[in-house]
Amino acid sequence: MSAIPKIKAIIQLFRPDLSLAAGICVVVGELLALGHFPQFQEIILGFAVGFFISGSTLILNDYFDLETDKINAPNRPLPSGMIKPAHVIFLSIITALIGLLASFIISFLALAVAIVLWTIGFLYNWKLKRTGLLGNLLVSSSVAITFIFGAIVVGNPWIIVVWVFSAIAFFIDLGEEIAADALDMEGDKKINSQSLALKHGQNNALKISAVIFALVVLISLIPFILGWLGITYLLMILFMDSIIVYSTFKLLKSEIIDEKRKYARFIYLGATLGLVAFVIGQILI
């Protein structure tokens, strides 16, 4: 295989949208905790921890999901044969070490939290994914912690607005996790998963996911309503919320699985774009 397809396969393993989202969430946590833009070193180190720790666990996800991906996603790098399992493990180790090194440079507390985050990801990929809702809650918790980690990077983890953003991230990811399980039922049956979709049906699981996304929209308005953040935040968050509402509606109405997957991913991307827009807005003000 030539180098270019292999590089593309490695990038695909990273799920760059999710890894970037993790890094961005850390930087947003820093920004919220300080009330102003953090130092360049804090941005780089915090982003690196979020990006590489998340990337490492996402890469491992492909390793442990090989059998189900043969059914649900046969074109992924591992089931398609573009990447060997040994290479996946090696890449996961390297990215984890980079993330842990960056956290060590920040502080021992940051290192401890990074180790916890990576361990949650590993345990989820290895065993806890089949537990259904418990696994969903663990992954969503690790996503939520990225904001708090950002506050830890700048030494100010107890600011309430950081925890509100953490709650937004928790529920966005929980809704996406439940929706993803609902769309991967065939592969999940093979590993005896206890997902909500397998227990209560795909439509019911997607409805639960939609309720969670509605809760995200409500929580996202709290910082503006209570006066913690101003009109710039409101404009950016309304942009995010409009994507979430539209994509959730399409997710429920579409009859085609691939389209449902697309709209579930749009929700995640919409949330990430909203956060990026918020950061840019803070830079320009």
C-alpha atoms as a PDB file:
ATOM      1  CA  MET A   1       0.000   0.000   0.000  1.00  0.00           C
ATOM      2  CA  SER A   2       1.284   3.476  -0.893  1.00  0.00           C
ATOM      3  CA  ALA A   3       1.880   6.075   1.794  1.00  0.00           C
ATOM      4  CA  ILE A   4      -1.093   8.344   1.020  1.00  0.00           C
ATOM      5  CA  PRO A   5      -3.874   5.740   1.595  1.00  0.00           C
ATOM      6  CA  LYS A   6      -2.123   4.655   4.801  1.00  0.00           C
ATOM      7  CA  ILE A   7      -1.933   8.257   6.040  1.00  0.00           C
ATOM      8  CA  LYS A   8      -5.623   8.705   5.241  1.00  0.00           C
ATOM      9  CA  ALA A   9      -6.390   5.515   7.169  1.00  0.00           C
ATOM     10  CA  ILE A  10      -4.437   6.769  10.199  1.00  0.00           C
ATOM     11  CA  ILE A  11      -6.325  10.077  10.102  1.00  0.00           C
ATOM     12  CA  GLN A  12      -9.590   8.140   9.912  1.00  0.00           C
ATOM     13  CA  LEU A  13      -8.590   6.124  12.991  1.00  0.00           C
ATOM     14  CA  PHE A  14      -8.187   9.382  14.919  1.00  0.00           C
ATOM     15  CA  ARG A  15     -11.745  10.447  14.070  1.00  0.00           C
ATOM     16  CA  PRO A  16     -10.302  13.972  13.771  1.00  0.00           C
ATOM     17  CA  ASP A  17     -13.635  15.697  14.394  1.00  0.00           C
ATOM     18  CA  LEU A  18     -13.939  14.032  17.817  1.00  0.00           C
ATOM     19  CA  SER A  19     -10.266  14.446  18.760  1.00  0.00           C
ATOM     20  CA  LEU A  20     -10.330  18.111  17.727  1.00  0.00           C
ATOM     21  CA  ALA A  21     -13.542  18.583  19.705  1.00  0.00           C
ATOM     22  CA  ALA A  22     -11.836  17.211  22.836  1.00  0.00           C
ATOM     23  CA  GLY A  23      -8.901  19.589  22.431  1.00  0.00           C
ATOM     24  CA  ILE A  24     -11.192  22.543  21.784  1.00  0.00           C
ATOM     25  CA  CYS A  25     -13.277  21.715  24.876  1.00  0.00           C
ATOM     26  CA  VAL A  26     -10.132  21.888  27.020  1.00  0.00           C
ATOM     27  CA  VAL A  27      -9.255  25.326  25.608  1.00  0.00           C
ATOM     28  CA  VAL A  28     -12.829  26.539  26.153  1.00  0.00           C
ATOM     29  CA  GLY A  29     -12.573  25.330  29.758  1.00  0.00           C
ATOM     30  CA  GLU A  30      -9.405  27.412  30.158  1.00  0.00           C
ATOM     31  CA  LEU A  31     -11.107  30.441  28.642  1.00  0.00           C
ATOM     32  CA  LEU A  32     -14.182  30.152  30.858  1.00  0.00           C
ATOM     33  CA  ALA A  33     -12.135  29.614  34.015  1.00  0.00           C
ATOM     34  CA  LEU A  34      -9.981  32.690  33.395  1.00  0.00           C
ATOM     35  CA  GLY A  35     -12.553  35.026  31.903  1.00  0.00           C
ATOM     36  CA  HIS A  36      -9.968  35.989  29.298  1.00  0.00           C
ATOM     37  CA  PHE A  37      -7.737  34.287  26.752  1.00  0.00           C
ATOM     38  CA  PRO A  38      -5.150  31.926  28.317  1.00  0.00           C
ATOM     39  CA  GLN A  39      -1.409  31.995  27.715  1.00  0.00           C
ATOM     40  CA  PHE A  40      -0.124  30.368  24.531  1.00  0.00           C
ATOM     41  CA  GLN A  41       1.615  27.537  26.419  1.00  0.00           C
ATOM     42  CA  GLU A  42      -1.587  26.746  28.323  1.00  0.00           C
ATOM     43  CA  ILE A  43      -3.501  26.574  25.052  1.00  0.00           C
ATOM     44  CA  ILE A  44      -0.984  24.286  23.347  1.00  0.00           C
ATOM     45  CA  LEU A  45      -0.501  21.907  26.285  1.00  0.00           C
ATOM     46  CA  GLY A  46      -4.200  21.748  27.171  1.00  0.00           C
ATOM     47  CA  PHE A  47      -5.229  21.152  23.566  1.00  0.00           C
ATOM     48  CA  ALA A  48      -2.526  18.491  23.172  1.00  0.00           C
ATOM     49  CA  VAL A  49      -3.796  16.540  26.187  1.00  0.00           C
ATOM     50  CA  GLY A  50      -7.403  16.632  24.970  1.00  0.00           C
ATOM     51  CA  PHE A  51      -6.496  15.792  21.382  1.00  0.00           C
ATOM     52  CA  PHE A  52      -4.008  12.976  22.000  1.00  0.00           C
ATOM     53  CA  ILE A  53      -5.707  11.275  24.967  1.00  0.00           C
ATOM     54  CA  SER A  54      -8.997  11.312  23.072  1.00  0.00           C
ATOM     55  CA  GLY A  55      -7.242  10.182  19.891  1.00  0.00           C
ATOM     56  CA  SER A  56      -5.574   7.288  21.712  1.00  0.00           C
ATOM     57  CA  THR A  57      -8.854   5.939  23.087  1.00  0.00           C
ATOM     58  CA  LEU A  58     -10.624   6.420  19.754  1.00  0.00           C
ATOM     59  CA  ILE A  59      -7.869   4.461  18.016  1.00  0.00           C
ATOM     60  CA  LEU A  60      -8.236   1.668  20.585  1.00  0.00           C
ATOM     61  CA  ASN A  61     -11.966   1.714  19.927  1.00  0.00           C
ATOM     62  CA  ASP A  62     -11.302   0.500  16.390  1.00  0.00           C
ATOM     63  CA  TYR A  63      -9.095  -2.312  17.727  1.00  0.00           C
ATOM     64  CA  PHE A  64     -11.721  -3.615  20.153  1.00  0.00           C
ATOM     65  CA  ASP A  65     -14.587  -2.999  17.695  1.00  0.00           C
ATOM     66  CA  LEU A  66     -13.054  -4.987  14.842  1.00  0.00           C
ATOM     67  CA  GLU A  67     -15.727  -7.712  14.829  1.00  0.00           C
ATOM     68  CA  THR A  68     -18.693  -5.337  15.038  1.00  0.00           C
ATOM     69  CA  ASP A  69     -17.140  -2.986  12.472  1.00  0.00           C
ATOM     70  CA  LYS A  70     -17.010  -5.878  10.005  1.00  0.00           C
ATOM     71  CA  ILE A  71     -20.812  -5.560  10.078  1.00  0.00           C
ATOM     72  CA  ASN A  72     -21.477  -1.904  10.942  1.00  0.00           C
ATOM     73  CA  ALA A  73     -18.523  -0.192   9.218  1.00  0.00           C
ATOM     74  CA  PRO A  74     -16.634  -2.584   6.897  1.00  0.00           C
ATOM     75  CA  ASN A  75     -14.818   0.323   5.221  1.00  0.00           C
ATOM     76  CA  ARG A  76     -13.066   1.404   8.435  1.00  0.00           C
ATOM     77  CA  PRO A  77      -9.245   1.030   8.309  1.00  0.00           C
ATOM     78  CA  LEU A  78      -9.051  -2.220  10.327  1.00  0.00           C
ATOM     79  CA  PRO A  79     -11.875  -4.353   8.849  1.00  0.00           C
ATOM     80  CA  SER A  80     -10.933  -3.189   5.344  1.00  0.00           C
ATOM     81  CA  GLY A  81      -7.333  -4.335   5.896  1.00  0.00           C
ATOM     82  CA  MET A  82      -5.769  -0.903   5.346  1.00  0.00           C
ATOM     83  CA  ILE A  83      -4.145  -1.001   8.815  1.00  0.00           C
ATOM     84  CA  LYS A  84      -2.914  -3.991  10.839  1.00  0.00           C
ATOM     85  CA  PRO A  85      -4.075  -4.486  14.471  1.00  0.00           C
ATOM     86  CA  ALA A  86      -0.476  -4.277  15.761  1.00  0.00           C
ATOM     87  CA  HIS A  87      -0.068  -0.874  14.105  1.00  0.00           C
ATOM     88  CA  VAL A  88      -3.274   0.333  15.754  1.00  0.00           C
ATOM     89  CA  ILE A  89      -1.995  -0.628  19.221  1.00  0.00           C
ATOM     90  CA  PHE A  90       1.373   1.035  18.550  1.00  0.00           C
ATOM     91  CA  LEU A  91      -0.289   4.248  17.370  1.00  0.00           C
ATOM     92  CA  SER A  92      -2.574   4.281  20.411  1.00  0.00           C
ATOM     93  CA  ILE A  93       0.395   3.916  22.781  1.00  0.00           C
ATOM     94  CA  ILE A  94       2.359   6.714  21.082  1.00  0.00           C
ATOM     95  CA  THR A  95      -0.563   9.148  21.141  1.00  0.00           C
ATOM     96  CA  ALA A  96      -1.335   8.305  24.789  1.00  0.00           C
ATOM     97  CA  LEU A  97       2.281   8.978  25.777  1.00  0.00           C
ATOM     98  CA  ILE A  98       2.247  12.349  24.010  1.00  0.00           C
ATOM     99  CA  GLY A  99      -0.937  13.314  25.851  1.00  0.00           C
ATOM    100  CA  LEU A 100       0.399  12.139  29.216  1.00  0.00           C
ATOM    101  CA  LEU A 101       3.696  13.973  28.694  1.00  0.00           C
ATOM    102  CA  ALA A 102       1.824  17.206  27.963  1.00  0.00           C
ATOM    103  CA  SER A 103      -0.285  16.739  31.113  1.00  0.00           C
ATOM    104  CA  PHE A 104       2.848  16.063  33.198  1.00  0.00           C
ATOM    105  CA  ILE A 105       4.328  19.368  32.028  1.00  0.00           C
ATOM    106  CA  ILE A 106       1.157  21.130  33.216  1.00  0.00           C
ATOM    107  CA  SER A 107       0.935  19.670  36.752  1.00  0.00           C
ATOM    108  CA  PHE A 108       0.662  16.416  38.704  1.00  0.00           C
ATOM    109  CA  LEU A 109      -3.103  16.989  39.070  1.00  0.00           C
ATOM    110  CA  ALA A 110      -3.403  17.358  35.309  1.00  0.00           C
ATOM    111  CA  LEU A 111      -1.421  14.132  34.856  1.00  0.00           C
ATOM    112  CA  ALA A 112      -3.698  12.301  37.315  1.00  0.00           C
ATOM    113  CA  VAL A 113      -6.838  13.486  35.503  1.00  0.00           C
ATOM    114  CA  ALA A 114      -5.351  12.559  32.107  1.00  0.00           C
ATOM    115  CA  ILE A 115      -4.579   9.048  33.384  1.00  0.00           C
ATOM    116  CA  VAL A 116      -8.154   8.723  34.672  1.00  0.00           C
ATOM    117  CA  LEU A 117      -9.553   9.889  31.328  1.00  0.00           C
ATOM    118  CA  TRP A 118      -7.420   7.435  29.362  1.00  0.00           C
ATOM    119  CA  THR A 119      -8.287   4.596  31.758  1.00  0.00           C
ATOM    120  CA  ILE A 120     -12.018   5.284  31.385  1.00  0.00           C
ATOM    121  CA  GLY A 121     -11.602   5.180  27.613  1.00  0.00           C
ATOM    122  CA  PHE A 122      -9.631   1.942  27.733  1.00  0.00           C
ATOM    123  CA  LEU A 123     -12.086   0.195  30.079  1.00  0.00           C
ATOM    124  CA  TYR A 124     -14.999   1.340  27.962  1.00  0.00           C
ATOM    125  CA  ASN A 125     -13.442   0.005  24.775  1.00  0.00           C
ATOM    126  CA  TRP A 126     -12.348  -3.252  26.409  1.00  0.00           C
ATOM    127  CA  LYS A 127     -15.354  -4.281  28.495  1.00  0.00           C
ATOM    128  CA  LEU A 128     -17.847  -1.585  29.437  1.00  0.00           C
ATOM    129  CA  LYS A 129     -19.184  -0.730  25.983  1.00  0.00           C
ATOM    130  CA  ARG A 130     -21.513  -3.724  26.108  1.00  0.00           C
ATOM    131  CA  THR A 131     -23.098  -2.522  29.359  1.00  0.00           C
ATOM    132  CA  GLY A 132     -25.226  -0.077  27.397  1.00  0.00           C
ATOM    133  CA  LEU A 133     -26.312   2.926  29.432  1.00  0.00           C
ATOM    134  CA  LEU A 134     -23.496   2.542  31.989  1.00  0.00           C
ATOM    135  CA  GLY A 135     -20.937   2.664  29.198  1.00  0.00           C
ATOM    136  CA  ASN A 136     -22.697   5.668  27.653  1.00  0.00           C
ATOM    137  CA  LEU A 137     -22.593   7.508  30.986  1.00  0.00           C
ATOM    138  CA  LEU A 138     -18.879   6.795  31.457  1.00  0.00           C
ATOM    139  CA  VAL A 139     -17.930   8.085  28.018  1.00  0.00           C
ATOM    140  CA  SER A 140     -20.109  11.161  28.422  1.00  0.00           C
ATOM    141  CA  SER A 141     -18.518  11.845  31.805  1.00  0.00           C
ATOM    142  CA  SER A 142     -15.047  11.709  30.272  1.00  0.00           C
ATOM    143  CA  VAL A 143     -16.140  14.191  27.595  1.00  0.00           C
ATOM    144  CA  ALA A 144     -17.583  16.506  30.257  1.00  0.00           C
ATOM    145  CA  ILE A 145     -14.339  16.385  32.236  1.00  0.00           C
ATOM    146  CA  THR A 146     -12.481  18.010  29.323  1.00  0.00           C
ATOM    147  CA  PHE A 147     -13.910  21.410  30.301  1.00  0.00           C
ATOM    148  CA  ILE A 148     -12.981  20.897  33.936  1.00  0.00           C
ATOM    149  CA  PHE A 149      -9.536  19.762  32.807  1.00  0.00           C
ATOM    150  CA  GLY A 150      -9.155  23.067  30.970  1.00  0.00           C
ATOM    151  CA  ALA A 151      -9.919  24.885  34.213  1.00  0.00           C
ATOM    152  CA  ILE A 152      -7.324  22.706  35.968  1.00  0.00           C
ATOM    153  CA  VAL A 153      -4.717  23.694  33.361  1.00  0.00           C
ATOM    154  CA  VAL A 154      -5.088  27.348  34.379  1.00  0.00           C
ATOM    155  CA  GLY A 155      -5.436  26.543  38.100  1.00  0.00           C
ATOM    156  CA  ASN A 156      -9.083  27.582  38.525  1.00  0.00           C
ATOM    157  CA  PRO A 157     -11.362  24.493  38.388  1.00  0.00           C
ATOM    158  CA  TRP A 158     -14.299  25.655  40.554  1.00  0.00           C
ATOM    159  CA  ILE A 159     -15.844  28.357  38.329  1.00  0.00           C
ATOM    160  CA  ILE A 160     -19.558  27.525  37.962  1.00  0.00           C
ATOM    161  CA  VAL A 161     -19.833  28.452  34.264  1.00  0.00           C
ATOM    162  CA  VAL A 162     -17.179  25.802  33.521  1.00  0.00           C
ATOM    163  CA  TRP A 163     -19.404  23.195  35.145  1.00  0.00           C
ATOM    164  CA  VAL A 164     -22.418  24.379  33.117  1.00  0.00           C
ATOM    165  CA  PHE A 165     -20.425  23.893  29.913  1.00  0.00           C
ATOM    166  CA  SER A 166     -19.346  20.531  31.285  1.00  0.00           C
ATOM    167  CA  ALA A 167     -23.020  19.592  31.688  1.00  0.00           C
ATOM    168  CA  ILE A 168     -23.747  20.694  28.106  1.00  0.00           C
ATOM    169  CA  ALA A 169     -20.917  18.490  26.840  1.00  0.00           C
ATOM    170  CA  PHE A 170     -22.119  15.583  28.995  1.00  0.00           C
ATOM    171  CA  PHE A 171     -25.639  15.620  27.588  1.00  0.00           C
ATOM    172  CA  ILE A 172     -24.577  16.236  23.978  1.00  0.00           C
ATOM    173  CA  ASP A 173     -22.312  13.211  24.131  1.00  0.00           C
ATOM    174  CA  LEU A 174     -24.870  11.085  25.997  1.00  0.00           C
ATOM    175  CA  GLY A 175     -27.491  11.806  23.353  1.00  0.00           C
ATOM    176  CA  GLU A 176     -25.005  11.043  20.576  1.00  0.00           C
ATOM    177  CA  GLU A 177     -23.894   7.803  22.260  1.00  0.00           C
ATOM    178  CA  ILE A 178     -27.474   6.554  22.642  1.00  0.00           C
ATOM    179  CA  ALA A 179     -28.269   7.508  19.038  1.00  0.00           C
ATOM    180  CA  ALA A 180     -25.107   5.778  17.778  1.00  0.00           C
ATOM    181  CA  ASP A 181     -26.053   2.593  19.644  1.00  0.00           C
ATOM    182  CA  ALA A 182     -29.515   2.751  18.097  1.00  0.00           C
ATOM    183  CA  LEU A 183     -27.959   2.894  14.631  1.00  0.00           C
ATOM    184  CA  ASP A 184     -25.483   0.068  15.282  1.00  0.00           C
ATOM    185  CA  MET A 185     -27.923  -2.549  16.540  1.00  0.00           C
ATOM    186  CA  GLU A 186     -26.901  -5.359  14.202  1.00  0.00           C
ATOM    187  CA  GLY A 187     -23.263  -5.262  15.226  1.00  0.00           C
ATOM    188  CA  ASP A 188     -24.170  -4.776  18.897  1.00  0.00           C
ATOM    189  CA  LYS A 189     -26.297  -7.940  18.849  1.00  0.00           C
ATOM    190  CA  LYS A 190     -23.166  -9.887  17.956  1.00  0.00           C
ATOM    191  CA  ILE A 191     -21.395  -8.799  21.165  1.00  0.00           C
ATOM    192  CA  ASN A 192     -24.512  -9.126  23.373  1.00  0.00           C
ATOM    193  CA  SER A 193     -24.650  -5.416  24.116  1.00  0.00           C
ATOM    194  CA  GLN A 194     -27.175  -4.163  26.672  1.00  0.00           C
ATOM    195  CA  SER A 195     -27.829  -0.916  24.792  1.00  0.00           C
ATOM    196  CA  LEU A 196     -31.096   0.971  25.243  1.00  0.00           C
ATOM    197  CA  ALA A 197     -31.917   0.323  21.591  1.00  0.00           C
ATOM    198  CA  LEU A 198     -31.621  -3.460  21.976  1.00  0.00           C
ATOM    199  CA  LYS A 199     -33.592  -3.398  25.226  1.00  0.00           C
ATOM    200  CA  HIS A 200     -36.351  -0.970  24.253  1.00  0.00           C
ATOM    201  CA  GLY A 201     -36.217  -0.658  20.467  1.00  0.00           C
ATOM    202  CA  GLN A 202     -34.496   1.693  18.040  1.00  0.00           C
ATOM    203  CA  ASN A 203     -37.266   4.291  17.849  1.00  0.00           C
ATOM    204  CA  ASN A 204     -37.576   4.573  21.622  1.00  0.00           C
ATOM    205  CA  ALA A 205     -33.800   4.967  21.974  1.00  0.00           C
ATOM    206  CA  LEU A 206     -33.780   7.731  19.352  1.00  0.00           C
ATOM    207  CA  LYS A 207     -36.644   9.488  21.142  1.00  0.00           C
ATOM    208  CA  ILE A 208     -34.672   9.375  24.406  1.00  0.00           C
ATOM    209  CA  SER A 209     -31.719  10.819  22.510  1.00  0.00           C
ATOM    210  CA  ALA A 210     -33.931  13.622  21.153  1.00  0.00           C
ATOM    211  CA  VAL A 211     -35.160  14.506  24.659  1.00  0.00           C
ATOM    212  CA  ILE A 212     -31.543  14.735  25.828  1.00  0.00           C
ATOM    213  CA  PHE A 213     -30.675  17.047  22.927  1.00  0.00           C
ATOM    214  CA  ALA A 214     -33.652  19.257  23.851  1.00  0.00           C
ATOM    215  CA  LEU A 215     -32.231  19.430  27.381  1.00  0.00           C
ATOM    216  CA  VAL A 216     -28.895  20.552  25.902  1.00  0.00           C
ATOM    217  CA  VAL A 217     -30.612  23.491  24.199  1.00  0.00           C
ATOM    218  CA  LEU A 218     -32.226  24.554  27.487  1.00  0.00           C
ATOM    219  CA  ILE A 219     -29.010  24.258  29.525  1.00  0.00           C
ATOM    220  CA  SER A 220     -27.033  26.145  26.883  1.00  0.00           C
ATOM    221  CA  LEU A 221     -29.150  29.263  27.490  1.00  0.00           C
ATOM    222  CA  ILE A 222     -28.422  29.389  31.246  1.00  0.00           C
ATOM    223  CA  PRO A 223     -25.107  31.334  31.044  1.00  0.00           C
ATOM    224  CA  PHE A 224     -26.826  34.127  29.066  1.00  0.00           C
ATOM    225  CA  ILE A 225     -30.049  34.184  31.116  1.00  0.00           C
ATOM    226  CA  LEU A 226     -28.099  34.445  34.387  1.00  0.00           C
ATOM    227  CA  GLY A 227     -25.786  37.115  32.972  1.00  0.00           C
ATOM    228  CA  TRP A 228     -22.576  35.066  33.119  1.00  0.00           C
ATOM    229  CA  LEU A 229     -21.935  35.537  29.400  1.00  0.00           C
ATOM    230  CA  GLY A 230     -23.114  38.222  27.000  1.00  0.00           C
ATOM    231  CA  ILE A 231     -24.657  38.663  23.571  1.00  0.00           C
ATOM    232  CA  THR A 232     -21.675  37.180  21.714  1.00  0.00           C
ATOM    233  CA  TYR A 233     -22.181  33.916  23.580  1.00  0.00           C
ATOM    234  CA  LEU A 234     -25.925  33.986  22.855  1.00  0.00           C
ATOM    235  CA  LEU A 235     -25.371  34.423  19.117  1.00  0.00           C
ATOM    236  CA  MET A 236     -22.859  31.582  18.990  1.00  0.00           C
ATOM    237  CA  ILE A 237     -24.977  29.263  21.110  1.00  0.00           C
ATOM    238  CA  LEU A 238     -28.107  29.943  19.034  1.00  0.00           C
ATOM    239  CA  PHE A 239     -26.086  28.904  15.984  1.00  0.00           C
ATOM    240  CA  MET A 240     -25.179  25.657  17.764  1.00  0.00           C
ATOM    241  CA  ASP A 241     -28.716  25.079  19.017  1.00  0.00           C
ATOM    242  CA  SER A 242     -30.238  25.575  15.560  1.00  0.00           C
ATOM    243  CA  ILE A 243     -27.991  22.823  14.175  1.00  0.00           C
ATOM    244  CA  ILE A 244     -28.902  20.528  17.082  1.00  0.00           C
ATOM    245  CA  VAL A 245     -32.666  21.119  16.671  1.00  0.00           C
ATOM    246  CA  TYR A 246     -32.605  20.682  12.882  1.00  0.00           C
ATOM    247  CA  SER A 247     -30.396  17.572  12.978  1.00  0.00           C
ATOM    248  CA  THR A 248     -32.437  15.983  15.773  1.00  0.00           C
ATOM    249  CA  PHE A 249     -35.634  16.491  13.775  1.00  0.00           C
ATOM    250  CA  LYS A 250     -34.050  14.906  10.684  1.00  0.00           C
ATOM    251  CA  LEU A 251     -32.594  12.081  12.795  1.00  0.00           C
ATOM    252  CA  LEU A 252     -36.088  11.131  13.973  1.00  0.00           C
ATOM    253  CA  LYS A 253     -37.793  11.543  10.600  1.00  0.00           C
ATOM    254  CA  SER A 254     -35.298   9.884   8.252  1.00  0.00           C
ATOM    255  CA  GLU A 255     -35.933   6.257   7.299  1.00  0.00           C
ATOM    256  CA  ILE A 256     -32.410   5.624   5.959  1.00  0.00           C
ATOM    257  CA  ILE A 257     -29.776   4.423   8.446  1.00  0.00           C
ATOM    258  CA  ASP A 258     -26.863   6.183   6.726  1.00  0.00           C
ATOM    259  CA  GLU A 259     -28.809   9.452   6.795  1.00  0.00           C
ATOM    260  CA  LYS A 260     -29.581   8.959  10.476  1.00  0.00           C
ATOM    261  CA  ARG A 261     -25.855   8.456  11.129  1.00  0.00           C
ATOM    262  CA  LYS A 262     -25.093  11.632   9.190  1.00  0.00           C
ATOM    263  CA  TYR A 263     -27.507  13.732  11.242  1.00  0.00           C
ATOM    264  CA  ALA A 264     -26.292  12.226  14.518  1.00  0.00           C
ATOM    265  CA  ARG A 265     -22.773  13.305  13.558  1.00  0.00           C
ATOM    266  CA  PHE A 266     -24.061  16.758  12.506  1.00  0.00           C
ATOM    267  CA  ILE A 267     -25.255  17.277  16.078  1.00  0.00           C
ATOM    268  CA  TYR A 268     -21.752  16.623  17.403  1.00  0.00           C
ATOM    269  CA  LEU A 269     -20.153  18.778  14.728  1.00  0.00           C
ATOM    270  CA  GLY A 270     -22.674  21.546  15.347  1.00  0.00           C
ATOM    271  CA  ALA A 271     -21.766  21.594  19.019  1.00  0.00           C
ATOM    272  CA  THR A 272     -18.055  21.718  18.144  1.00  0.00           C
ATOM    273  CA  LEU A 273     -18.575  24.554  15.656  1.00  0.00           C
ATOM    274  CA  GLY A 274     -20.537  26.454  18.293  1.00  0.00           C
ATOM    275  CA  LEU A 275     -17.628  26.150  20.709  1.00  0.00           C
ATOM    276  CA  VAL A 276     -15.117  27.210  18.042  1.00  0.00           C
ATOM    277  CA  ALA A 277     -17.275  30.216  17.208  1.00  0.00           C
ATOM    278  CA  PHE A 278     -17.437  31.095  20.909  1.00  0.00           C
ATOM    279  CA  VAL A 279     -13.627  30.979  21.201  1.00  0.00           C
ATOM    280  CA  ILE A 280     -13.194  33.102  18.060  1.00  0.00           C
ATOM    281  CA  GLY A 281     -15.731  35.569  19.417  1.00  0.00           C
ATOM    282  CA  GLN A 282     -13.780  35.863  22.660  1.00  0.00           C
ATOM    283  CA  ILE A 283     -10.537  36.451  20.732  1.00  0.00           C
ATOM    284  CA  LEU A 284     -12.043  39.213  18.609  1.00  0.00           C
ATOM    285  CA  ILE A 285     -13.691  41.054  21.502  1.00  0.00           C
END
